[in-house]
Amino acid sequence: MSTAAILGVGIPIAVVVVALLVRFAARSISVERVHEDLLQHAARATAASLENGATGRLAGVVTADTTLLAPLTRRPCVGYVARVEERIATGKGGRWVERIHEVRGVPFTIDDGTGRALIDPGQSTMLLEMDGTSRSGRFDDATAAEESFLRRHGLASTGWFLNKTLRYVEGVIEPGERVAVIGRGVREPEPDPIGHGGGLSTRVRIAGTADEPVLVTDRKQLIGA
């Protein structure tokens, strides 16, 4: 059964991910690759057509009443993924070790032209363009924002005598950006029916759980047309 067909009958995303991991295990496919496959091949729906309790893939433009400040680049956003990795010497070489991985988001709305969908990213997996990158090291001190982020997680950019070699990576979802979302929708009354055609209009709310997180991406190759 295809990914699109599986999602079309409302089987939880977590079950689909497990099934795809088993299916592709021989090819060493990562969890992220499975999520990419879901986002690229899931059956598409619209905010107007997604039925109550159904799982679907929506794509639209982000709007928000509330935003966050991304911790490393200080960009206003509705969600972000931020990572810090440290270079550790190993004999003649070295390796990067992840020290911080933080994901946060606030509820936002996407408009796909047929209606609005409210997205709650409290339980979500975000596949973002990691377009905020920087480093600090021996001759390059961490910025105030980088140092603040490290301290919030009980870390520092300096060792006993020298700066640690660190790299900082961040991706954000910004208002006005186009995103794609997969999740289970619940129909609810439209809070602003006058501004959306009047009558008994509804919108769809998509919220995840620990077992079935919402998938969100701003990567153009995964959103499509």
Protein backbone atom coordinates (compact mmCIF):
# COMPACT_ATOMS: atom_id res chain seq x y z
CA MET A 1 0.00 0.00 0.00
CA SER A 2 1.38 3.44 -0.88
CA THR A 3 2.04 6.21 1.65
CA ALA A 4 -0.78 8.24 0.16
CA ALA A 5 -3.20 5.33 0.44
CA ILE A 6 -2.22 4.69 4.05
CA LEU A 7 -2.79 8.31 5.00
CA GLY A 8 -6.02 8.33 3.03
CA VAL A 9 -7.63 5.83 5.40
CA GLY A 10 -6.60 7.72 8.51
CA ILE A 11 -4.00 5.37 9.99
CA PRO A 12 -1.87 7.34 12.53
CA ILE A 13 1.31 8.90 11.18
CA ALA A 14 3.41 7.03 13.77
CA VAL A 15 2.15 3.72 12.38
CA VAL A 16 2.96 4.85 8.85
CA VAL A 17 6.48 5.87 9.90
CA VAL A 18 7.11 2.47 11.51
CA ALA A 19 5.74 0.68 8.44
CA LEU A 20 7.95 2.70 6.10
CA LEU A 21 11.03 2.18 8.28
CA VAL A 22 10.49 -1.58 8.09
CA ARG A 23 9.87 -1.35 4.36
CA PHE A 24 13.05 0.64 3.73
CA ALA A 25 15.29 -0.85 6.43
CA ALA A 26 17.45 -2.66 3.88
CA ARG A 27 18.31 0.73 2.39
CA SER A 28 19.21 2.29 5.76
CA ILE A 29 16.60 5.03 5.37
CA SER A 30 16.59 7.51 8.27
CA VAL A 31 13.51 8.69 10.13
CA GLU A 32 13.92 12.10 8.45
CA ARG A 33 13.93 10.45 5.04
CA VAL A 34 10.68 8.68 5.93
CA HIS A 35 9.14 11.99 6.96
CA GLU A 36 10.28 13.51 3.66
CA ASP A 37 8.65 10.63 1.82
CA LEU A 38 5.38 11.24 3.68
CA LEU A 39 5.43 14.96 2.88
CA GLN A 40 6.16 14.38 -0.80
CA HIS A 41 3.68 11.57 -1.46
CA ALA A 42 0.78 11.94 0.98
CA ALA A 43 -2.66 12.56 -0.50
CA ARG A 44 -3.30 16.29 -0.64
CA ALA A 45 -6.29 17.97 0.94
CA THR A 46 -7.51 21.54 1.43
CA ALA A 47 -8.62 23.45 4.49
CA ALA A 48 -12.16 23.39 3.10
CA SER A 49 -12.25 19.68 2.21
CA LEU A 50 -10.39 17.96 5.07
CA GLU A 51 -13.01 15.98 6.96
CA ASN A 52 -13.36 15.91 10.72
CA GLY A 53 -10.98 13.30 12.17
CA ALA A 54 -9.20 12.66 8.86
CA THR A 55 -5.45 12.87 8.32
CA GLY A 56 -4.32 15.00 5.41
CA ARG A 57 -1.61 17.13 3.88
CA LEU A 58 -2.25 20.86 3.59
CA ALA A 59 -0.07 23.62 2.14
CA GLY A 60 -0.57 27.33 2.64
CA VAL A 61 0.81 30.68 3.76
CA VAL A 62 1.55 31.26 7.44
CA THR A 63 -0.19 33.99 9.43
CA ALA A 64 0.09 34.51 13.18
CA ASP A 65 -1.07 36.76 15.99
CA THR A 66 1.80 35.68 18.24
CA THR A 67 5.43 35.02 17.37
CA LEU A 68 8.64 33.82 19.01
CA LEU A 69 12.17 35.16 18.66
CA ALA A 70 14.52 32.50 17.32
CA PRO A 71 17.30 32.10 19.91
CA LEU A 72 20.35 32.36 17.64
CA THR A 73 19.36 34.77 14.85
CA ARG A 74 16.61 36.64 16.75
CA ARG A 75 14.19 36.31 13.82
CA PRO A 76 10.43 36.60 14.54
CA CYS A 77 8.88 33.21 13.82
CA VAL A 78 6.12 30.77 14.77
CA GLY A 79 8.46 27.82 15.14
CA TYR A 80 12.15 26.99 15.13
CA VAL A 81 14.71 24.22 15.37
CA ALA A 82 18.04 25.22 16.92
CA ARG A 83 21.09 23.02 17.39
CA VAL A 84 24.56 23.44 18.84
CA GLU A 85 27.34 20.97 18.06
CA GLU A 86 30.85 20.78 19.53
CA ARG A 87 33.97 19.63 17.71
CA ILE A 88 35.69 16.93 19.76
CA ALA A 89 39.25 15.86 18.97
CA THR A 90 39.69 12.13 18.36
CA GLY A 91 43.29 11.17 17.71
CA LYS A 92 44.36 12.73 14.41
CA GLY A 93 40.85 13.87 13.53
CA GLY A 94 37.68 14.91 15.26
CA ARG A 95 33.93 14.57 15.26
CA TRP A 96 30.93 16.81 15.87
CA VAL A 97 28.82 16.00 18.93
CA GLU A 98 25.37 17.51 19.36
CA ARG A 99 25.08 19.40 22.66
CA ILE A 100 21.71 21.15 22.25
CA HIS A 101 18.66 20.35 20.14
CA GLU A 102 15.71 22.64 20.82
CA VAL A 103 12.36 22.76 19.01
CA ARG A 104 9.66 25.28 19.88
CA GLY A 105 6.55 26.66 18.28
CA VAL A 106 3.38 28.67 18.88
CA PRO A 107 -0.03 28.11 17.24
CA PHE A 108 -0.34 29.65 13.79
CA THR A 109 -2.73 29.64 10.85
CA ILE A 110 -2.18 28.65 7.24
CA ASP A 111 -4.40 29.91 4.44
CA ASP A 112 -4.51 27.77 1.29
CA GLY A 113 -7.07 29.83 -0.62
CA THR A 114 -10.00 27.57 0.28
CA GLY A 115 -10.02 28.37 3.99
CA ARG A 116 -7.92 28.50 7.11
CA ALA A 117 -6.30 25.77 9.16
CA LEU A 118 -5.07 26.37 12.69
CA ILE A 119 -1.83 24.50 13.38
CA ASP A 120 -0.77 23.69 16.93
CA PRO A 121 2.93 22.69 16.85
CA GLY A 122 3.11 21.69 20.50
CA GLN A 123 3.64 18.06 19.43
CA SER A 124 5.34 18.31 16.06
CA THR A 125 8.27 17.29 13.91
CA MET A 126 9.71 20.22 11.93
CA LEU A 127 11.75 19.66 8.78
CA LEU A 128 13.11 23.15 8.15
CA GLU A 129 15.59 24.94 5.95
CA MET A 130 18.49 25.27 8.38
CA ASP A 131 19.55 28.61 6.97
CA GLY A 132 20.96 30.25 10.09
CA THR A 133 24.52 28.99 10.61
CA SER A 134 27.53 30.31 12.50
CA ARG A 135 30.55 29.15 14.50
CA SER A 136 32.64 30.16 17.46
CA GLY A 137 36.10 28.94 18.35
CA ARG A 138 39.65 29.71 19.33
CA PHE A 139 39.82 33.13 17.64
CA ASP A 140 36.10 33.80 17.29
CA ASP A 141 34.05 34.48 20.40
CA ALA A 142 30.40 33.48 20.62
CA THR A 143 27.86 36.26 20.09
CA ALA A 144 25.67 37.47 22.94
CA ALA A 145 22.70 35.50 21.53
CA GLU A 146 24.80 32.33 21.20
CA GLU A 147 26.19 32.66 24.71
CA SER A 148 22.71 33.26 26.12
CA PHE A 149 21.38 30.15 24.37
CA LEU A 150 24.26 28.05 25.71
CA ARG A 151 23.79 29.32 29.26
CA ARG A 152 20.07 28.57 29.16
CA HIS A 153 21.08 24.94 28.64
CA GLY A 154 23.79 24.99 31.32
CA LEU A 155 26.69 25.28 28.85
CA ALA A 156 29.34 27.86 27.91
CA SER A 157 31.39 28.66 24.83
CA THR A 158 34.68 28.49 26.75
CA GLY A 159 36.64 25.59 28.22
CA TRP A 160 39.36 25.75 30.87
CA PHE A 161 41.67 27.99 28.82
CA LEU A 162 40.31 28.38 25.27
CA ASN A 163 37.07 28.77 23.42
CA LYS A 164 35.38 25.53 22.46
CA THR A 165 34.89 24.89 18.74
CA LEU A 166 31.13 25.15 18.32
CA ARG A 167 28.75 25.45 15.42
CA TYR A 168 25.22 26.79 15.64
CA VAL A 169 22.44 25.80 13.23
CA GLU A 170 18.92 27.20 13.13
CA GLY A 171 15.81 26.98 10.97
CA VAL A 172 12.61 28.99 11.41
CA ILE A 173 9.02 29.22 10.16
CA GLU A 174 8.28 32.89 9.50
CA PRO A 175 4.95 34.66 8.95
CA GLY A 176 4.26 34.99 5.23
CA GLU A 177 6.19 31.81 4.46
CA ARG A 178 4.59 28.89 2.62
CA VAL A 179 4.61 25.58 4.48
CA ALA A 180 3.21 22.06 4.15
CA VAL A 181 1.64 20.23 7.09
CA ILE A 182 0.49 16.65 7.68
CA GLY A 183 -1.79 15.90 10.62
CA ARG A 184 -5.20 14.85 11.85
CA GLY A 185 -7.81 17.58 11.52
CA VAL A 186 -10.72 18.52 13.77
CA ARG A 187 -13.45 20.79 12.43
CA GLU A 188 -14.43 23.71 14.67
CA PRO A 189 -16.53 26.89 14.24
CA GLU A 190 -14.78 29.68 12.37
CA PRO A 191 -14.14 32.41 14.99
CA ASP A 192 -14.46 35.13 12.33
CA PRO A 193 -17.30 33.94 10.06
CA ILE A 194 -18.04 37.46 8.76
CA GLY A 195 -14.54 37.73 7.37
CA HIS A 196 -14.78 34.27 5.81
CA GLY A 197 -18.11 34.20 4.01
CA GLY A 198 -20.50 34.31 7.01
CA GLY A 199 -22.97 31.56 7.79
CA LEU A 200 -22.00 28.36 9.59
CA SER A 201 -18.43 28.26 8.29
CA THR A 202 -15.79 26.13 10.00
CA ARG A 203 -12.04 25.87 10.04
CA VAL A 204 -9.86 22.87 10.67
CA ARG A 205 -7.53 22.57 13.67
CA ILE A 206 -4.50 20.29 13.36
CA ALA A 207 -2.76 19.27 16.57
CA GLY A 208 -0.43 16.36 17.25
CA THR A 209 0.17 13.91 20.06
CA ALA A 210 3.30 12.14 21.27
CA ASP A 211 2.30 9.10 19.18
CA GLU A 212 1.13 11.09 16.16
CA PRO A 213 3.03 14.38 15.86
CA VAL A 214 2.20 16.98 13.24
CA LEU A 215 4.75 17.14 10.42
CA VAL A 216 5.67 20.66 9.31
CA THR A 217 8.09 21.76 6.60
CA ASP A 218 9.14 24.95 4.83
CA ARG A 219 11.49 23.14 2.43
CA LYS A 220 10.43 24.09 -1.08
CA GLN A 221 11.23 20.67 -2.53
CA LEU A 222 8.82 19.06 -0.06
CA ILE A 223 6.02 21.61 -0.45
CA GLY A 224 5.73 21.45 -4.23
CA ALA A 225 3.34 23.56 -6.25
